[in-house]
């Protein structure tokens, strides 16, 4: 079983764990299946908005794909979530990403 199939199996066993969805988005990204990766990231920010790790990774992917408007929206949403969770490191990184790109 390859990594992607293993992760999909994990998702089937526990669809409420955002980490496995995040791993699947990363796998799609590694494969170069960017639109599938973006769909997965969008699902995560929709269903698991407090999963803060998603925002930085997704925003970087969007920036690489020249989707700057969406990247800025994702960064801003991530800042809000990081503040809510008290995730100081993620908050700092997201603010830096915003400063560097906008």
C-alpha atoms as a PDB file:
ATOM      1  CA  UNK A   1       0.000   0.000   0.000  1.00  0.00           C
ATOM      2  CA  UNK A   2       1.445   3.370  -0.971  1.00  0.00           C
ATOM      3  CA  UNK A   3       1.432   6.417   1.309  1.00  0.00           C
ATOM      4  CA  UNK A   4      -1.620   8.019  -0.264  1.00  0.00           C
ATOM      5  CA  UNK A   5      -3.684   4.853   0.025  1.00  0.00           C
ATOM      6  CA  UNK A   6      -2.539   4.400   3.622  1.00  0.00           C
ATOM      7  CA  UNK A   7      -3.626   7.961   4.462  1.00  0.00           C
ATOM      8  CA  UNK A   8      -6.981   7.506   2.709  1.00  0.00           C
ATOM      9  CA  UNK A   9      -7.496   4.352   4.759  1.00  0.00           C
ATOM     10  CA  UNK A  10      -6.741   6.313   7.941  1.00  0.00           C
ATOM     11  CA  UNK A  11      -9.290   8.948   6.880  1.00  0.00           C
ATOM     12  CA  UNK A  12     -11.903   6.251   6.321  1.00  0.00           C
ATOM     13  CA  UNK A  13     -11.257   4.932   9.822  1.00  0.00           C
ATOM     14  CA  UNK A  14     -11.494   8.377  11.423  1.00  0.00           C
ATOM     15  CA  UNK A  15     -12.785  11.136   9.138  1.00  0.00           C
ATOM     16  CA  UNK A  16     -12.861  13.593  12.062  1.00  0.00           C
ATOM     17  CA  UNK A  17      -9.063  13.729  12.414  1.00  0.00           C
ATOM     18  CA  UNK A  18      -7.846  16.797  10.485  1.00  0.00           C
ATOM     19  CA  UNK A  19      -4.229  15.618  10.566  1.00  0.00           C
ATOM     20  CA  UNK A  20      -4.903  12.797   8.099  1.00  0.00           C
ATOM     21  CA  UNK A  21      -6.703  15.161   5.732  1.00  0.00           C
ATOM     22  CA  UNK A  22      -3.714  17.502   6.003  1.00  0.00           C
ATOM     23  CA  UNK A  23      -1.339  14.639   5.169  1.00  0.00           C
ATOM     24  CA  UNK A  24      -3.434  13.788   2.119  1.00  0.00           C
ATOM     25  CA  UNK A  25      -3.272  17.388   0.900  1.00  0.00           C
ATOM     26  CA  UNK A  26       0.519  17.271   1.273  1.00  0.00           C
ATOM     27  CA  UNK A  27       0.685  13.975  -0.642  1.00  0.00           C
ATOM     28  CA  UNK A  28      -1.295  15.469  -3.518  1.00  0.00           C
ATOM     29  CA  UNK A  29       1.047  18.446  -3.462  1.00  0.00           C
ATOM     30  CA  UNK A  30       4.125  16.181  -3.622  1.00  0.00           C
ATOM     31  CA  UNK A  31       2.617  14.343  -6.606  1.00  0.00           C
ATOM     32  CA  UNK A  32       1.996  17.608  -8.392  1.00  0.00           C
ATOM     33  CA  UNK A  33      -1.761  17.091  -8.254  1.00  0.00           C
ATOM     34  CA  UNK A  34      -2.189  20.685  -7.142  1.00  0.00           C
ATOM     35  CA  UNK A  35      -5.930  21.067  -7.729  1.00  0.00           C
ATOM     36  CA  UNK A  36      -6.612  17.945  -5.651  1.00  0.00           C
ATOM     37  CA  UNK A  37      -4.333  19.351  -2.972  1.00  0.00           C
ATOM     38  CA  UNK A  38      -6.228  22.657  -3.033  1.00  0.00           C
ATOM     39  CA  UNK A  39      -9.571  20.840  -2.756  1.00  0.00           C
ATOM     40  CA  UNK A  40      -8.295  18.974   0.286  1.00  0.00           C
ATOM     41  CA  UNK A  41      -6.953  22.148   1.896  1.00  0.00           C
ATOM     42  CA  UNK A  42     -10.265  23.931   1.241  1.00  0.00           C
ATOM     43  CA  UNK A  43     -12.139  21.086   2.899  1.00  0.00           C
ATOM     44  CA  UNK A  44      -9.851  21.327   5.941  1.00  0.00           C
ATOM     45  CA  UNK A  45     -10.296  25.088   6.401  1.00  0.00           C
ATOM     46  CA  UNK A  46     -14.043  24.598   5.997  1.00  0.00           C
ATOM     47  CA  UNK A  47     -14.566  21.583   8.276  1.00  0.00           C
ATOM     48  CA  UNK A  48     -11.641  22.017  10.660  1.00  0.00           C
ATOM     49  CA  UNK A  49     -10.996  25.782  10.778  1.00  0.00           C
ATOM     50  CA  UNK A  50      -9.092  25.502  14.049  1.00  0.00           C
ATOM     51  CA  UNK A  51      -6.452  23.193  12.527  1.00  0.00           C
ATOM     52  CA  UNK A  52      -3.933  26.015  12.367  1.00  0.00           C
ATOM     53  CA  UNK A  53      -1.110  24.149  10.590  1.00  0.00           C
ATOM     54  CA  UNK A  54      -3.145  24.134   7.392  1.00  0.00           C
ATOM     55  CA  UNK A  55      -3.101  27.871   6.815  1.00  0.00           C
ATOM     56  CA  UNK A  56       0.614  28.443   6.363  1.00  0.00           C
ATOM     57  CA  UNK A  57       1.127  25.406   4.146  1.00  0.00           C
ATOM     58  CA  UNK A  58      -1.944  26.124   2.041  1.00  0.00           C
ATOM     59  CA  UNK A  59      -1.088  29.825   1.671  1.00  0.00           C
ATOM     60  CA  UNK A  60       2.418  28.951   0.463  1.00  0.00           C
ATOM     61  CA  UNK A  61       0.992  26.540  -2.101  1.00  0.00           C
ATOM     62  CA  UNK A  62      -1.425  29.198  -3.312  1.00  0.00           C
ATOM     63  CA  UNK A  63       1.384  31.740  -3.603  1.00  0.00           C
ATOM     64  CA  UNK A  64       3.419  29.253  -5.651  1.00  0.00           C
ATOM     65  CA  UNK A  65       0.432  28.869  -7.979  1.00  0.00           C
ATOM     66  CA  UNK A  66       0.081  32.678  -8.314  1.00  0.00           C
ATOM     67  CA  UNK A  67      -3.261  32.637  -6.511  1.00  0.00           C
ATOM     68  CA  UNK A  68      -2.337  35.638  -4.411  1.00  0.00           C
ATOM     69  CA  UNK A  69      -5.856  36.824  -3.564  1.00  0.00           C
ATOM     70  CA  UNK A  70      -6.850  33.470  -2.096  1.00  0.00           C
ATOM     71  CA  UNK A  71      -3.481  33.162  -0.364  1.00  0.00           C
ATOM     72  CA  UNK A  72      -4.036  36.475   1.402  1.00  0.00           C
ATOM     73  CA  UNK A  73      -7.522  35.371   2.484  1.00  0.00           C
ATOM     74  CA  UNK A  74      -6.126  32.112   3.848  1.00  0.00           C
ATOM     75  CA  UNK A  75      -3.343  33.909   5.720  1.00  0.00           C
ATOM     76  CA  UNK A  76      -5.845  36.327   7.273  1.00  0.00           C
ATOM     77  CA  UNK A  77      -8.130  33.448   8.291  1.00  0.00           C
ATOM     78  CA  UNK A  78      -5.135  31.618   9.743  1.00  0.00           C
ATOM     79  CA  UNK A  79      -4.156  34.655  11.793  1.00  0.00           C
ATOM     80  CA  UNK A  80      -7.659  34.768  13.288  1.00  0.00           C
ATOM     81  CA  UNK A  81      -7.573  31.057  14.132  1.00  0.00           C
ATOM     82  CA  UNK A  82      -4.027  31.217  15.540  1.00  0.00           C
ATOM     83  CA  UNK A  83      -5.059  34.105  17.782  1.00  0.00           C
ATOM     84  CA  UNK A  84      -8.122  32.175  18.989  1.00  0.00           C
ATOM     85  CA  UNK A  85      -6.031  29.111  19.830  1.00  0.00           C
ATOM     86  CA  UNK A  86      -3.157  31.055  21.327  1.00  0.00           C
ATOM     87  CA  UNK A  87      -0.789  29.480  18.803  1.00  0.00           C
ATOM     88  CA  UNK A  88       1.994  32.046  19.091  1.00  0.00           C
ATOM     89  CA  UNK A  89       4.478  30.397  16.722  1.00  0.00           C
ATOM     90  CA  UNK A  90       1.888  29.876  13.979  1.00  0.00           C
ATOM     91  CA  UNK A  91       0.648  33.429  14.468  1.00  0.00           C
ATOM     92  CA  UNK A  92       4.163  34.823  14.061  1.00  0.00           C
ATOM     93  CA  UNK A  93       4.805  32.729  10.934  1.00  0.00           C
ATOM     94  CA  UNK A  94       1.521  33.730   9.318  1.00  0.00           C
ATOM     95  CA  UNK A  95       2.135  37.416  10.038  1.00  0.00           C
ATOM     96  CA  UNK A  96       5.618  37.119   8.516  1.00  0.00           C
ATOM     97  CA  UNK A  97       4.192  35.419   5.444  1.00  0.00           C
ATOM     98  CA  UNK A  98       1.689  38.246   5.097  1.00  0.00           C
ATOM     99  CA  UNK A  99       4.394  40.896   5.471  1.00  0.00           C
ATOM    100  CA  UNK A 100       6.691  39.233   2.939  1.00  0.00           C
ATOM    101  CA  UNK A 101       4.027  38.862   0.276  1.00  0.00           C
ATOM    102  CA  UNK A 102       1.489  41.672   0.673  1.00  0.00           C
END
